[in-house]
PDB file of N, CA and C in Angstrom:
ATOM      1  N   UNK A   1     -10.030   5.378  24.047  1.00  0.00           N
ATOM      2  CA  UNK A   1      -9.635   6.108  25.242  1.00  0.00           C
ATOM      3  C   UNK A   1      -8.377   5.511  25.857  1.00  0.00           C
ATOM      4  N   UNK A   2      -8.270   4.184  25.847  1.00  0.00           N
ATOM      5  CA  UNK A   2      -7.111   3.525  26.427  1.00  0.00           C
ATOM      6  C   UNK A   2      -5.838   3.907  25.683  1.00  0.00           C
ATOM      7  N   UNK A   3      -5.913   3.999  24.347  1.00  0.00           N
ATOM      8  CA  UNK A   3      -4.749   4.361  23.541  1.00  0.00           C
ATOM      9  C   UNK A   3      -4.269   5.763  23.880  1.00  0.00           C
ATOM     10  N   UNK A   4      -5.215   6.681  24.073  1.00  0.00           N
ATOM     11  CA  UNK A   4      -4.849   8.054  24.404  1.00  0.00           C
ATOM     12  C   UNK A   4      -4.110   8.089  25.735  1.00  0.00           C
ATOM     13  N   UNK A   5      -4.581   7.329  26.726  1.00  0.00           N
ATOM     14  CA  UNK A   5      -3.911   7.351  28.024  1.00  0.00           C
ATOM     15  C   UNK A   5      -2.525   6.712  27.933  1.00  0.00           C
ATOM     16  N   UNK A   6      -2.353   5.675  27.113  1.00  0.00           N
ATOM     17  CA  UNK A   6      -1.042   5.064  26.946  1.00  0.00           C
ATOM     18  C   UNK A   6      -0.077   6.048  26.301  1.00  0.00           C
ATOM     19  N   UNK A   7      -0.549   6.799  25.324  1.00  0.00           N
ATOM     20  CA  UNK A   7       0.302   7.796  24.670  1.00  0.00           C
ATOM     21  C   UNK A   7       0.639   8.912  25.655  1.00  0.00           C
ATOM     22  N   UNK A   8      -0.334   9.317  26.466  1.00  0.00           N
ATOM     23  CA  UNK A   8      -0.076  10.362  27.464  1.00  0.00           C
ATOM     24  C   UNK A   8       0.961   9.900  28.474  1.00  0.00           C
ATOM     25  N   UNK A   9       0.852   8.655  28.926  1.00  0.00           N
ATOM     26  CA  UNK A   9       1.819   8.119  29.882  1.00  0.00           C
ATOM     27  C   UNK A   9       3.199   8.051  29.244  1.00  0.00           C
ATOM     28  N   UNK A  10       3.255   7.588  27.998  1.00  0.00           N
ATOM     29  CA  UNK A  10       4.538   7.509  27.301  1.00  0.00           C
ATOM     30  C   UNK A  10       5.133   8.906  27.115  1.00  0.00           C
ATOM     31  N   UNK A  11       4.294   9.871  26.794  1.00  0.00           N
ATOM     32  CA  UNK A  11       4.768  11.246  26.640  1.00  0.00           C
ATOM     33  C   UNK A  11       5.302  11.806  27.944  1.00  0.00           C
ATOM     34  N   UNK A  12       4.605  11.510  29.034  1.00  0.00           N
ATOM     35  CA  UNK A  12       5.060  11.972  30.349  1.00  0.00           C
ATOM     36  C   UNK A  12       6.386  11.323  30.724  1.00  0.00           C
ATOM     37  N   UNK A  13       6.518  10.028  30.421  1.00  0.00           N
ATOM     38  CA  UNK A  13       7.770   9.330  30.713  1.00  0.00           C
ATOM     39  C   UNK A  13       8.913   9.915  29.892  1.00  0.00           C
ATOM     40  N   UNK A  14       8.643  10.225  28.639  1.00  0.00           N
ATOM     41  CA  UNK A  14       9.662  10.822  27.777  1.00  0.00           C
ATOM     42  C   UNK A  14      10.066  12.192  28.307  1.00  0.00           C
ATOM     43  N   UNK A  15       9.080  12.976  28.727  1.00  0.00           N
ATOM     44  CA  UNK A  15       9.374  14.296  29.281  1.00  0.00           C
ATOM     45  C   UNK A  15      10.203  14.181  30.552  1.00  0.00           C
ATOM     46  N   UNK A  16       9.866  13.211  31.404  1.00  0.00           N
ATOM     47  CA  UNK A  16      10.631  13.009  32.640  1.00  0.00           C
ATOM     48  C   UNK A  16      12.069  12.631  32.325  1.00  0.00           C
ATOM     49  N   UNK A  17      12.250  11.765  31.334  1.00  0.00           N
ATOM     50  CA  UNK A  17      13.602  11.376  30.943  1.00  0.00           C
ATOM     51  C   UNK A  17      14.362  12.574  30.380  1.00  0.00           C
ATOM     52  N   UNK A  18      13.672  13.406  29.612  1.00  0.00           N
ATOM     53  CA  UNK A  18      14.320  14.592  29.050  1.00  0.00           C
ATOM     54  C   UNK A  18      14.771  15.535  30.156  1.00  0.00           C
ATOM     55  N   UNK A  19      13.934  15.709  31.179  1.00  0.00           N
ATOM     56  CA  UNK A  19      14.304  16.564  32.298  1.00  0.00           C
ATOM     57  C   UNK A  19      15.495  15.966  33.040  1.00  0.00           C
ATOM     58  N   UNK A  20      15.479  14.649  33.230  1.00  0.00           N
ATOM     59  CA  UNK A  20      16.583  13.982  33.898  1.00  0.00           C
ATOM     60  C   UNK A  20      17.874  14.182  33.126  1.00  0.00           C
ATOM     61  N   UNK A  21      17.825  13.985  31.829  1.00  0.00           N
ATOM     62  CA  UNK A  21      19.031  14.144  31.018  1.00  0.00           C
ATOM     63  C   UNK A  21      19.475  15.598  30.989  1.00  0.00           C
ATOM     64  N   UNK A  22      18.517  16.539  31.006  1.00  0.00           N
ATOM     65  CA  UNK A  22      18.891  17.947  31.031  1.00  0.00           C
ATOM     66  C   UNK A  22      19.618  18.283  32.315  1.00  0.00           C
ATOM     67  N   UNK A  23      19.194  17.662  33.416  1.00  0.00           N
ATOM     68  CA  UNK A  23      19.865  17.900  34.688  1.00  0.00           C
ATOM     69  C   UNK A  23      21.299  17.404  34.645  1.00  0.00           C
ATOM     70  N   UNK A  24      21.554  16.382  33.831  1.00  0.00           N
ATOM     71  CA  UNK A  24      22.917  15.858  33.693  1.00  0.00           C
ATOM     72  C   UNK A  24      23.686  16.605  32.619  1.00  0.00           C
ATOM     73  N   UNK A  25      23.040  17.531  31.940  1.00  0.00           N
ATOM     74  CA  UNK A  25      23.670  18.251  30.843  1.00  0.00           C
ATOM     75  C   UNK A  25      24.518  19.398  31.342  1.00  0.00           C
ATOM     76  N   UNK A  26      25.108  20.112  30.406  1.00  0.00           N
ATOM     77  CA  UNK A  26      25.937  21.255  30.768  1.00  0.00           C
ATOM     78  C   UNK A  26      25.556  22.433  29.896  1.00  0.00           C
ATOM     79  N   UNK A  27      26.220  23.541  30.137  1.00  0.00           N
ATOM     80  CA  UNK A  27      25.950  24.730  29.357  1.00  0.00           C
ATOM     81  C   UNK A  27      26.521  24.578  27.954  1.00  0.00           C
ATOM     82  N   UNK A  28      26.265  25.566  27.133  1.00  0.00           N
ATOM     83  CA  UNK A  28      26.735  25.499  25.755  1.00  0.00           C
ATOM     84  C   UNK A  28      28.242  25.658  25.643  1.00  0.00           C
ATOM     85  N   UNK A  29      28.921  25.890  26.750  1.00  0.00           N
ATOM     86  CA  UNK A  29      30.375  25.989  26.725  1.00  0.00           C
ATOM     87  C   UNK A  29      31.005  24.752  27.354  1.00  0.00           C
ATOM     88  N   UNK A  30      30.415  23.618  27.095  1.00  0.00           N
ATOM     89  CA  UNK A  30      30.862  22.350  27.674  1.00  0.00           C
ATOM     90  C   UNK A  30      32.276  22.006  27.237  1.00  0.00           C
ATOM     91  N   UNK A  31      33.033  21.423  28.163  1.00  0.00           N
ATOM     92  CA  UNK A  31      34.388  21.003  27.826  1.00  0.00           C
ATOM     93  C   UNK A  31      34.396  19.704  27.036  1.00  0.00           C
ATOM     94  N   UNK A  32      33.249  19.008  26.961  1.00  0.00           N
ATOM     95  CA  UNK A  32      33.222  17.743  26.229  1.00  0.00           C
ATOM     96  C   UNK A  32      33.404  17.949  24.734  1.00  0.00           C
ATOM     97  N   UNK A  33      33.209  19.152  24.266  1.00  0.00           N
ATOM     98  CA  UNK A  33      33.418  19.439  22.852  1.00  0.00           C
ATOM     99  C   UNK A  33      34.640  20.321  22.654  1.00  0.00           C
ATOM    100  N   UNK A  34      35.528  20.271  23.632  1.00  0.00           N
ATOM    101  CA  UNK A  34      36.742  21.068  23.507  1.00  0.00           C
ATOM    102  C   UNK A  34      36.508  22.531  23.778  1.00  0.00           C
ATOM    103  N   UNK A  35      35.451  22.864  24.548  1.00  0.00           N
ATOM    104  CA  UNK A  35      35.185  24.248  24.884  1.00  0.00           C
ATOM    105  C   UNK A  35      34.249  24.920  23.904  1.00  0.00           C
ATOM    106  N   UNK A  36      33.820  24.236  22.859  1.00  0.00           N
ATOM    107  CA  UNK A  36      32.918  24.823  21.888  1.00  0.00           C
ATOM    108  C   UNK A  36      31.483  24.715  22.327  1.00  0.00           C
ATOM    109  N   UNK A  37      30.594  25.157  21.474  1.00  0.00           N
ATOM    110  CA  UNK A  37      29.181  25.132  21.795  1.00  0.00           C
ATOM    111  C   UNK A  37      28.588  23.751  21.554  1.00  0.00           C
ATOM    112  N   UNK A  38      27.475  23.476  22.246  1.00  0.00           N
ATOM    113  CA  UNK A  38      26.752  22.232  22.057  1.00  0.00           C
ATOM    114  C   UNK A  38      26.169  22.193  20.645  1.00  0.00           C
ATOM    115  N   UNK A  39      26.115  21.010  20.077  1.00  0.00           N
ATOM    116  CA  UNK A  39      25.539  20.843  18.751  1.00  0.00           C
ATOM    117  C   UNK A  39      24.024  20.745  18.816  1.00  0.00           C
ATOM    118  N   UNK A  40      23.465  20.708  19.995  1.00  0.00           N
ATOM    119  CA  UNK A  40      22.023  20.612  20.156  1.00  0.00           C
ATOM    120  C   UNK A  40      21.638  19.292  20.790  1.00  0.00           C
ATOM    121  N   UNK A  41      20.422  18.892  20.543  1.00  0.00           N
ATOM    122  CA  UNK A  41      19.838  17.714  21.174  1.00  0.00           C
ATOM    123  C   UNK A  41      20.285  16.441  20.468  1.00  0.00           C
ATOM    124  N   UNK A  42      20.646  15.447  21.255  1.00  0.00           N
ATOM    125  CA  UNK A  42      20.898  14.104  20.747  1.00  0.00           C
ATOM    126  C   UNK A  42      19.735  13.232  21.183  1.00  0.00           C
ATOM    127  N   UNK A  43      19.045  12.615  20.245  1.00  0.00           N
ATOM    128  CA  UNK A  43      17.839  11.837  20.541  1.00  0.00           C
ATOM    129  C   UNK A  43      18.000  10.427  19.996  1.00  0.00           C
ATOM    130  N   UNK A  44      17.993   9.439  20.891  1.00  0.00           N
ATOM    131  CA  UNK A  44      18.133   8.031  20.507  1.00  0.00           C
ATOM    132  C   UNK A  44      16.808   7.330  20.755  1.00  0.00           C
ATOM    133  N   UNK A  45      16.220   6.792  19.690  1.00  0.00           N
ATOM    134  CA  UNK A  45      14.909   6.146  19.777  1.00  0.00           C
ATOM    135  C   UNK A  45      15.000   4.726  20.312  1.00  0.00           C
ATOM    136  N   UNK A  46      13.907   4.293  20.900  1.00  0.00           N
ATOM    137  CA  UNK A  46      13.762   2.916  21.353  1.00  0.00           C
ATOM    138  C   UNK A  46      13.306   2.060  20.168  1.00  0.00           C
ATOM    139  N   UNK A  47      13.172   0.765  20.402  1.00  0.00           N
ATOM    140  CA  UNK A  47      12.710  -0.169  19.374  1.00  0.00           C
ATOM    141  C   UNK A  47      11.418   0.346  18.760  1.00  0.00           C
ATOM    142  N   UNK A  48      11.338   0.296  17.471  1.00  0.00           N
ATOM    143  CA  UNK A  48      10.181   0.823  16.748  1.00  0.00           C
ATOM    144  C   UNK A  48      10.529   2.107  16.026  1.00  0.00           C
ATOM    145  N   UNK A  49      11.393   2.916  16.632  1.00  0.00           N
ATOM    146  CA  UNK A  49      11.844   4.151  16.004  1.00  0.00           C
ATOM    147  C   UNK A  49      10.718   5.094  15.645  1.00  0.00           C
ATOM    148  N   UNK A  50      11.050   6.070  14.814  1.00  0.00           N
ATOM    149  CA  UNK A  50      10.035   7.008  14.336  1.00  0.00           C
ATOM    150  C   UNK A  50       8.971   6.244  13.566  1.00  0.00           C
ATOM    151  N   UNK A  51       7.749   6.693  13.711  1.00  0.00           N
ATOM    152  CA  UNK A  51       6.651   6.051  13.002  1.00  0.00           C
ATOM    153  C   UNK A  51       5.970   4.955  13.810  1.00  0.00           C
ATOM    154  N   UNK A  52       6.329   4.816  15.081  1.00  0.00           N
ATOM    155  CA  UNK A  52       5.715   3.771  15.894  1.00  0.00           C
ATOM    156  C   UNK A  52       4.330   4.161  16.405  1.00  0.00           C
ATOM    157  N   UNK A  53       3.936   5.405  16.181  1.00  0.00           N
ATOM    158  CA  UNK A  53       2.648   5.934  16.631  1.00  0.00           C
ATOM    159  C   UNK A  53       2.507   5.809  18.144  1.00  0.00           C
ATOM    160  N   UNK A  54       3.612   5.987  18.846  1.00  0.00           N
ATOM    161  CA  UNK A  54       3.629   5.890  20.297  1.00  0.00           C
ATOM    162  C   UNK A  54       4.687   6.843  20.845  1.00  0.00           C
ATOM    163  N   UNK A  55       5.442   6.397  21.855  1.00  0.00           N
ATOM    164  CA  UNK A  55       6.341   7.302  22.556  1.00  0.00           C
ATOM    165  C   UNK A  55       7.509   7.783  21.711  1.00  0.00           C
ATOM    166  N   UNK A  56       7.986   7.003  20.743  1.00  0.00           N
ATOM    167  CA  UNK A  56       9.048   7.499  19.859  1.00  0.00           C
ATOM    168  C   UNK A  56       8.546   8.675  19.032  1.00  0.00           C
ATOM    169  N   UNK A  57       7.325   8.574  18.541  1.00  0.00           N
ATOM    170  CA  UNK A  57       6.754   9.684  17.783  1.00  0.00           C
ATOM    171  C   UNK A  57       6.512  10.902  18.678  1.00  0.00           C
ATOM    172  N   UNK A  58       6.150  10.663  19.932  1.00  0.00           N
ATOM    173  CA  UNK A  58       5.973  11.777  20.869  1.00  0.00           C
ATOM    174  C   UNK A  58       7.314  12.483  21.097  1.00  0.00           C
ATOM    175  N   UNK A  59       8.375  11.715  21.240  1.00  0.00           N
ATOM    176  CA  UNK A  59       9.709  12.298  21.409  1.00  0.00           C
ATOM    177  C   UNK A  59      10.125  13.072  20.161  1.00  0.00           C
ATOM    178  N   UNK A  60       9.836  12.517  18.987  1.00  0.00           N
ATOM    179  CA  UNK A  60      10.183  13.196  17.740  1.00  0.00           C
ATOM    180  C   UNK A  60       9.415  14.506  17.600  1.00  0.00           C
ATOM    181  N   UNK A  61       8.151  14.512  18.018  1.00  0.00           N
ATOM    182  CA  UNK A  61       7.352  15.743  17.964  1.00  0.00           C
ATOM    183  C   UNK A  61       7.978  16.819  18.857  1.00  0.00           C
ATOM    184  N   UNK A  62       8.450  16.434  20.037  1.00  0.00           N
ATOM    185  CA  UNK A  62       9.130  17.385  20.917  1.00  0.00           C
ATOM    186  C   UNK A  62      10.436  17.875  20.321  1.00  0.00           C
ATOM    187  N   UNK A  63      11.149  16.972  19.675  1.00  0.00           N
ATOM    188  CA  UNK A  63      12.401  17.310  18.998  1.00  0.00           C
ATOM    189  C   UNK A  63      12.145  18.357  17.911  1.00  0.00           C
ATOM    190  N   UNK A  64      11.116  18.139  17.110  1.00  0.00           N
ATOM    191  CA  UNK A  64      10.768  19.087  16.051  1.00  0.00           C
ATOM    192  C   UNK A  64      10.334  20.432  16.623  1.00  0.00           C
ATOM    193  N   UNK A  65       9.588  20.391  17.720  1.00  0.00           N
ATOM    194  CA  UNK A  65       9.117  21.625  18.345  1.00  0.00           C
ATOM    195  C   UNK A  65      10.292  22.434  18.886  1.00  0.00           C
ATOM    196  N   UNK A  66      11.261  21.762  19.501  1.00  0.00           N
ATOM    197  CA  UNK A  66      12.452  22.451  20.000  1.00  0.00           C
ATOM    198  C   UNK A  66      13.219  23.095  18.851  1.00  0.00           C
ATOM    199  N   UNK A  67      13.310  22.391  17.730  1.00  0.00           N
ATOM    200  CA  UNK A  67      13.987  22.956  16.563  1.00  0.00           C
ATOM    201  C   UNK A  67      13.268  24.194  16.054  1.00  0.00           C
ATOM    202  N   UNK A  68      11.942  24.108  15.965  1.00  0.00           N
ATOM    203  CA  UNK A  68      11.158  25.213  15.408  1.00  0.00           C
ATOM    204  C   UNK A  68      11.056  26.403  16.360  1.00  0.00           C
ATOM    205  N   UNK A  69      10.703  26.161  17.606  1.00  0.00           N
ATOM    206  CA  UNK A  69      10.448  27.256  18.534  1.00  0.00           C
ATOM    207  C   UNK A  69      11.695  27.855  19.152  1.00  0.00           C
ATOM    208  N   UNK A  70      12.687  27.022  19.419  1.00  0.00           N
ATOM    209  CA  UNK A  70      13.866  27.501  20.128  1.00  0.00           C
ATOM    210  C   UNK A  70      15.120  27.528  19.257  1.00  0.00           C
ATOM    211  N   UNK A  71      14.950  27.154  17.993  1.00  0.00           N
ATOM    212  CA  UNK A  71      16.071  27.132  17.045  1.00  0.00           C
ATOM    213  C   UNK A  71      17.214  26.252  17.553  1.00  0.00           C
ATOM    214  N   UNK A  72      16.840  25.134  18.163  1.00  0.00           N
ATOM    215  CA  UNK A  72      17.813  24.168  18.663  1.00  0.00           C
ATOM    216  C   UNK A  72      17.915  23.045  17.649  1.00  0.00           C
ATOM    217  N   UNK A  73      19.070  22.846  17.111  1.00  0.00           N
ATOM    218  CA  UNK A  73      19.285  21.754  16.179  1.00  0.00           C
ATOM    219  C   UNK A  73      19.533  20.458  16.927  1.00  0.00           C
ATOM    220  N   UNK A  74      19.985  19.468  16.217  1.00  0.00           N
ATOM    221  CA  UNK A  74      20.296  18.219  16.867  1.00  0.00           C
ATOM    222  C   UNK A  74      20.362  17.066  15.888  1.00  0.00           C
ATOM    223  N   UNK A  75      20.422  15.897  16.465  1.00  0.00           N
ATOM    224  CA  UNK A  75      20.507  14.678  15.662  1.00  0.00           C
ATOM    225  C   UNK A  75      19.665  13.611  16.334  1.00  0.00           C
ATOM    226  N   UNK A  76      18.906  12.896  15.532  1.00  0.00           N
ATOM    227  CA  UNK A  76      18.147  11.772  16.064  1.00  0.00           C
ATOM    228  C   UNK A  76      18.617  10.502  15.376  1.00  0.00           C
ATOM    229  N   UNK A  77      18.717   9.420  16.167  1.00  0.00           N
ATOM    230  CA  UNK A  77      19.237   8.162  15.643  1.00  0.00           C
ATOM    231  C   UNK A  77      18.269   7.027  15.927  1.00  0.00           C
ATOM    232  N   UNK A  78      18.143   6.152  14.949  1.00  0.00           N
ATOM    233  CA  UNK A  78      17.234   5.008  15.023  1.00  0.00           C
ATOM    234  C   UNK A  78      17.920   3.804  15.665  1.00  0.00           C
ATOM    235  N   UNK A  79      17.136   2.919  16.266  1.00  0.00           N
ATOM    236  CA  UNK A  79      17.714   1.704  16.862  1.00  0.00           C
ATOM    237  C   UNK A  79      18.000   0.647  15.798  1.00  0.00           C
ATOM    238  N   UNK A  80      18.816  -0.335  16.202  1.00  0.00           N
ATOM    239  CA  UNK A  80      19.105  -1.486  15.350  1.00  0.00           C
ATOM    240  C   UNK A  80      18.251  -2.663  15.816  1.00  0.00           C
ATOM    241  N   UNK A  81      18.056  -3.633  14.949  1.00  0.00           N
ATOM    242  CA  UNK A  81      17.353  -4.850  15.345  1.00  0.00           C
ATOM    243  C   UNK A  81      18.213  -5.640  16.319  1.00  0.00           C
ATOM    244  N   UNK A  82      17.580  -6.245  17.313  1.00  0.00           N
ATOM    245  CA  UNK A  82      18.246  -7.126  18.278  1.00  0.00           C
ATOM    246  C   UNK A  82      19.436  -6.479  18.976  1.00  0.00           C
ATOM    247  N   UNK A  83      19.329  -5.193  19.289  1.00  0.00           N
ATOM    248  CA  UNK A  83      20.444  -4.537  19.942  1.00  0.00           C
ATOM    249  C   UNK A  83      20.483  -4.831  21.440  1.00  0.00           C
ATOM    250  N   UNK A  84      21.662  -4.715  22.005  1.00  0.00           N
ATOM    251  CA  UNK A  84      21.883  -4.978  23.422  1.00  0.00           C
ATOM    252  C   UNK A  84      21.983  -3.655  24.182  1.00  0.00           C
ATOM    253  N   UNK A  85      22.074  -3.753  25.509  1.00  0.00           N
ATOM    254  CA  UNK A  85      22.302  -2.558  26.318  1.00  0.00           C
ATOM    255  C   UNK A  85      23.623  -1.901  25.946  1.00  0.00           C
ATOM    256  N   UNK A  86      24.612  -2.716  25.599  1.00  0.00           N
ATOM    257  CA  UNK A  86      25.914  -2.178  25.185  1.00  0.00           C
ATOM    258  C   UNK A  86      25.772  -1.355  23.896  1.00  0.00           C
ATOM    259  N   UNK A  87      24.904  -1.795  22.985  1.00  0.00           N
ATOM    260  CA  UNK A  87      24.671  -1.041  21.749  1.00  0.00           C
ATOM    261  C   UNK A  87      24.023   0.309  22.064  1.00  0.00           C
ATOM    262  N   UNK A  88      23.085   0.301  23.002  1.00  0.00           N
ATOM    263  CA  UNK A  88      22.422   1.545  23.398  1.00  0.00           C
ATOM    264  C   UNK A  88      23.440   2.498  24.033  1.00  0.00           C
ATOM    265  N   UNK A  89      24.274   1.966  24.918  1.00  0.00           N
ATOM    266  CA  UNK A  89      25.295   2.796  25.560  1.00  0.00           C
ATOM    267  C   UNK A  89      26.265   3.362  24.525  1.00  0.00           C
ATOM    268  N   UNK A  90      26.642   2.550  23.562  1.00  0.00           N
ATOM    269  CA  UNK A  90      27.548   3.025  22.506  1.00  0.00           C
ATOM    270  C   UNK A  90      26.913   4.152  21.701  1.00  0.00           C
ATOM    271  N   UNK A  91      25.613   4.035  21.431  1.00  0.00           N
ATOM    272  CA  UNK A  91      24.914   5.082  20.679  1.00  0.00           C
ATOM    273  C   UNK A  91      24.892   6.386  21.475  1.00  0.00           C
ATOM    274  N   UNK A  92      24.589   6.304  22.768  1.00  0.00           N
ATOM    275  CA  UNK A  92      24.570   7.499  23.602  1.00  0.00           C
ATOM    276  C   UNK A  92      25.964   8.106  23.723  1.00  0.00           C
ATOM    277  N   UNK A  93      26.971   7.259  23.864  1.00  0.00           N
ATOM    278  CA  UNK A  93      28.345   7.749  23.977  1.00  0.00           C
ATOM    279  C   UNK A  93      28.795   8.426  22.682  1.00  0.00           C
ATOM    280  N   UNK A  94      28.366   7.880  21.552  1.00  0.00           N
ATOM    281  CA  UNK A  94      28.700   8.490  20.262  1.00  0.00           C
ATOM    282  C   UNK A  94      28.110   9.900  20.185  1.00  0.00           C
ATOM    283  N   UNK A  95      26.877  10.058  20.639  1.00  0.00           N
ATOM    284  CA  UNK A  95      26.244  11.383  20.640  1.00  0.00           C
ATOM    285  C   UNK A  95      26.979  12.328  21.586  1.00  0.00           C
ATOM    286  N   UNK A  96      27.385  11.822  22.762  1.00  0.00           N
ATOM    287  CA  UNK A  96      28.107  12.652  23.732  1.00  0.00           C
ATOM    288  C   UNK A  96      29.456  13.097  23.173  1.00  0.00           C
ATOM    289  N   UNK A  97      30.178  12.174  22.569  1.00  0.00           N
ATOM    290  CA  UNK A  97      31.485  12.510  21.989  1.00  0.00           C
ATOM    291  C   UNK A  97      31.350  13.529  20.871  1.00  0.00           C
ATOM    292  N   UNK A  98      30.228  13.481  20.148  1.00  0.00           N
ATOM    293  CA  UNK A  98      30.005  14.415  19.044  1.00  0.00           C
ATOM    294  C   UNK A  98      29.593  15.801  19.538  1.00  0.00           C
ATOM    295  N   UNK A  99      29.322  15.928  20.841  1.00  0.00           N
ATOM    296  CA  UNK A  99      29.015  17.247  21.394  1.00  0.00           C
ATOM    297  C   UNK A  99      27.545  17.566  21.552  1.00  0.00           C
ATOM    298  N   UNK A 100      26.666  16.596  21.423  1.00  0.00           N
ATOM    299  CA  UNK A 100      25.242  16.863  21.613  1.00  0.00           C
ATOM    300  C   UNK A 100      24.936  16.943  23.098  1.00  0.00           C
ATOM    301  N   UNK A 101      24.070  17.909  23.459  1.00  0.00           N
ATOM    302  CA  UNK A 101      23.722  18.112  24.856  1.00  0.00           C
ATOM    303  C   UNK A 101      22.449  18.935  24.931  1.00  0.00           C
ATOM    304  N   UNK A 102      21.392  18.409  25.497  1.00  0.00           N
ATOM    305  CA  UNK A 102      21.274  17.144  26.210  1.00  0.00           C
ATOM    306  C   UNK A 102      21.153  15.966  25.253  1.00  0.00           C
ATOM    307  N   UNK A 103      21.322  14.787  25.809  1.00  0.00           N
ATOM    308  CA  UNK A 103      21.122  13.551  25.062  1.00  0.00           C
ATOM    309  C   UNK A 103      19.968  12.814  25.722  1.00  0.00           C
ATOM    310  N   UNK A 104      19.034  12.381  24.900  1.00  0.00           N
ATOM    311  CA  UNK A 104      17.832  11.727  25.410  1.00  0.00           C
ATOM    312  C   UNK A 104      17.742  10.323  24.839  1.00  0.00           C
ATOM    313  N   UNK A 105      17.667   9.351  25.718  1.00  0.00           N
ATOM    314  CA  UNK A 105      17.400   7.965  25.347  1.00  0.00           C
ATOM    315  C   UNK A 105      15.927   7.721  25.574  1.00  0.00           C
ATOM    316  N   UNK A 106      15.176   7.506  24.528  1.00  0.00           N
ATOM    317  CA  UNK A 106      13.725   7.385  24.629  1.00  0.00           C
ATOM    318  C   UNK A 106      13.347   6.006  25.163  1.00  0.00           C
ATOM    319  N   UNK A 107      12.579   5.993  26.227  1.00  0.00           N
ATOM    320  CA  UNK A 107      12.071   4.743  26.776  1.00  0.00           C
ATOM    321  C   UNK A 107      12.864   4.253  27.976  1.00  0.00           C
ATOM    322  N   UNK A 108      12.192   3.486  28.811  1.00  0.00           N
ATOM    323  CA  UNK A 108      12.808   2.981  30.036  1.00  0.00           C
ATOM    324  C   UNK A 108      13.936   1.994  29.773  1.00  0.00           C
ATOM    325  N   UNK A 109      13.973   1.365  28.596  1.00  0.00           N
ATOM    326  CA  UNK A 109      15.041   0.401  28.311  1.00  0.00           C
ATOM    327  C   UNK A 109      16.409   1.069  28.223  1.00  0.00           C
ATOM    328  N   UNK A 110      16.433   2.382  28.099  1.00  0.00           N
ATOM    329  CA  UNK A 110      17.693   3.118  28.064  1.00  0.00           C
ATOM    330  C   UNK A 110      18.259   3.398  29.448  1.00  0.00           C
ATOM    331  N   UNK A 111      17.537   3.070  30.517  1.00  0.00           N
ATOM    332  CA  UNK A 111      17.976   3.402  31.870  1.00  0.00           C
ATOM    333  C   UNK A 111      19.389   2.906  32.171  1.00  0.00           C
ATOM    334  N   UNK A 112      19.726   1.625  31.922  1.00  0.00           N
ATOM    335  CA  UNK A 112      21.107   1.189  32.207  1.00  0.00           C
ATOM    336  C   UNK A 112      22.148   1.925  31.359  1.00  0.00           C
ATOM    337  N   UNK A 113      21.835   2.172  30.100  1.00  0.00           N
ATOM    338  CA  UNK A 113      22.772   2.862  29.211  1.00  0.00           C
ATOM    339  C   UNK A 113      22.957   4.314  29.642  1.00  0.00           C
ATOM    340  N   UNK A 114      21.874   4.975  30.031  1.00  0.00           N
ATOM    341  CA  UNK A 114      21.963   6.360  30.496  1.00  0.00           C
ATOM    342  C   UNK A 114      22.830   6.433  31.751  1.00  0.00           C
ATOM    343  N   UNK A 115      22.619   5.516  32.671  1.00  0.00           N
ATOM    344  CA  UNK A 115      23.399   5.498  33.913  1.00  0.00           C
ATOM    345  C   UNK A 115      24.890   5.319  33.603  1.00  0.00           C
ATOM    346  N   UNK A 116      25.205   4.413  32.712  1.00  0.00           N
ATOM    347  CA  UNK A 116      26.594   4.148  32.345  1.00  0.00           C
ATOM    348  C   UNK A 116      27.248   5.349  31.659  1.00  0.00           C
ATOM    349  N   UNK A 117      26.580   5.910  30.670  1.00  0.00           N
ATOM    350  CA  UNK A 117      27.172   6.998  29.889  1.00  0.00           C
ATOM    351  C   UNK A 117      27.203   8.289  30.681  1.00  0.00           C
ATOM    352  N   UNK A 118      26.194   8.534  31.512  1.00  0.00           N
ATOM    353  CA  UNK A 118      26.190   9.751  32.334  1.00  0.00           C
ATOM    354  C   UNK A 118      27.355   9.754  33.308  1.00  0.00           C
ATOM    355  N   UNK A 119      27.791   8.585  33.767  1.00  0.00           N
ATOM    356  CA  UNK A 119      28.953   8.513  34.653  1.00  0.00           C
ATOM    357  C   UNK A 119      30.222   8.934  33.911  1.00  0.00           C
ATOM    358  N   UNK A 120      30.307   8.632  32.632  1.00  0.00           N
ATOM    359  CA  UNK A 120      31.483   8.996  31.823  1.00  0.00           C
ATOM    360  C   UNK A 120      31.433  10.448  31.380  1.00  0.00           C
ATOM    361  N   UNK A 121      30.226  10.972  31.186  1.00  0.00           N
ATOM    362  CA  UNK A 121      30.016  12.337  30.691  1.00  0.00           C
ATOM    363  C   UNK A 121      29.083  13.073  31.654  1.00  0.00           C
ATOM    364  N   UNK A 122      29.566  13.429  32.835  1.00  0.00           N
ATOM    365  CA  UNK A 122      28.691  14.027  33.853  1.00  0.00           C
ATOM    366  C   UNK A 122      28.154  15.402  33.482  1.00  0.00           C
ATOM    367  N   UNK A 123      28.798  16.059  32.540  1.00  0.00           N
ATOM    368  CA  UNK A 123      28.321  17.397  32.161  1.00  0.00           C
ATOM    369  C   UNK A 123      27.438  17.333  30.950  1.00  0.00           C
TER     370      UNK A 123
END
């Protein structure tokens, strides 16, 4: 029972982060891609990546559901070992420069990186 509640809490946190990032997102005619359409969702996993049987997998399940139900493509990227906040920010910025919108940093450890990159890419 405890595991189920931890997964539910992690899923809720991921959903809240997704809503937050969506609020910082823009329409499909964003100027960040030179006026073209968004490439879809950018998803950056926390330590453990896909297969962690926790919040990263919950985020991946949502990513797959968005692809299937809403025909929204995207890109998901795995973390590196021993990465810093600067590495996380660089990963999010790379997704933003590539035109992904919204961009989701999975987990609370992305909070500083999200704050930094959202200031550079407000749309």
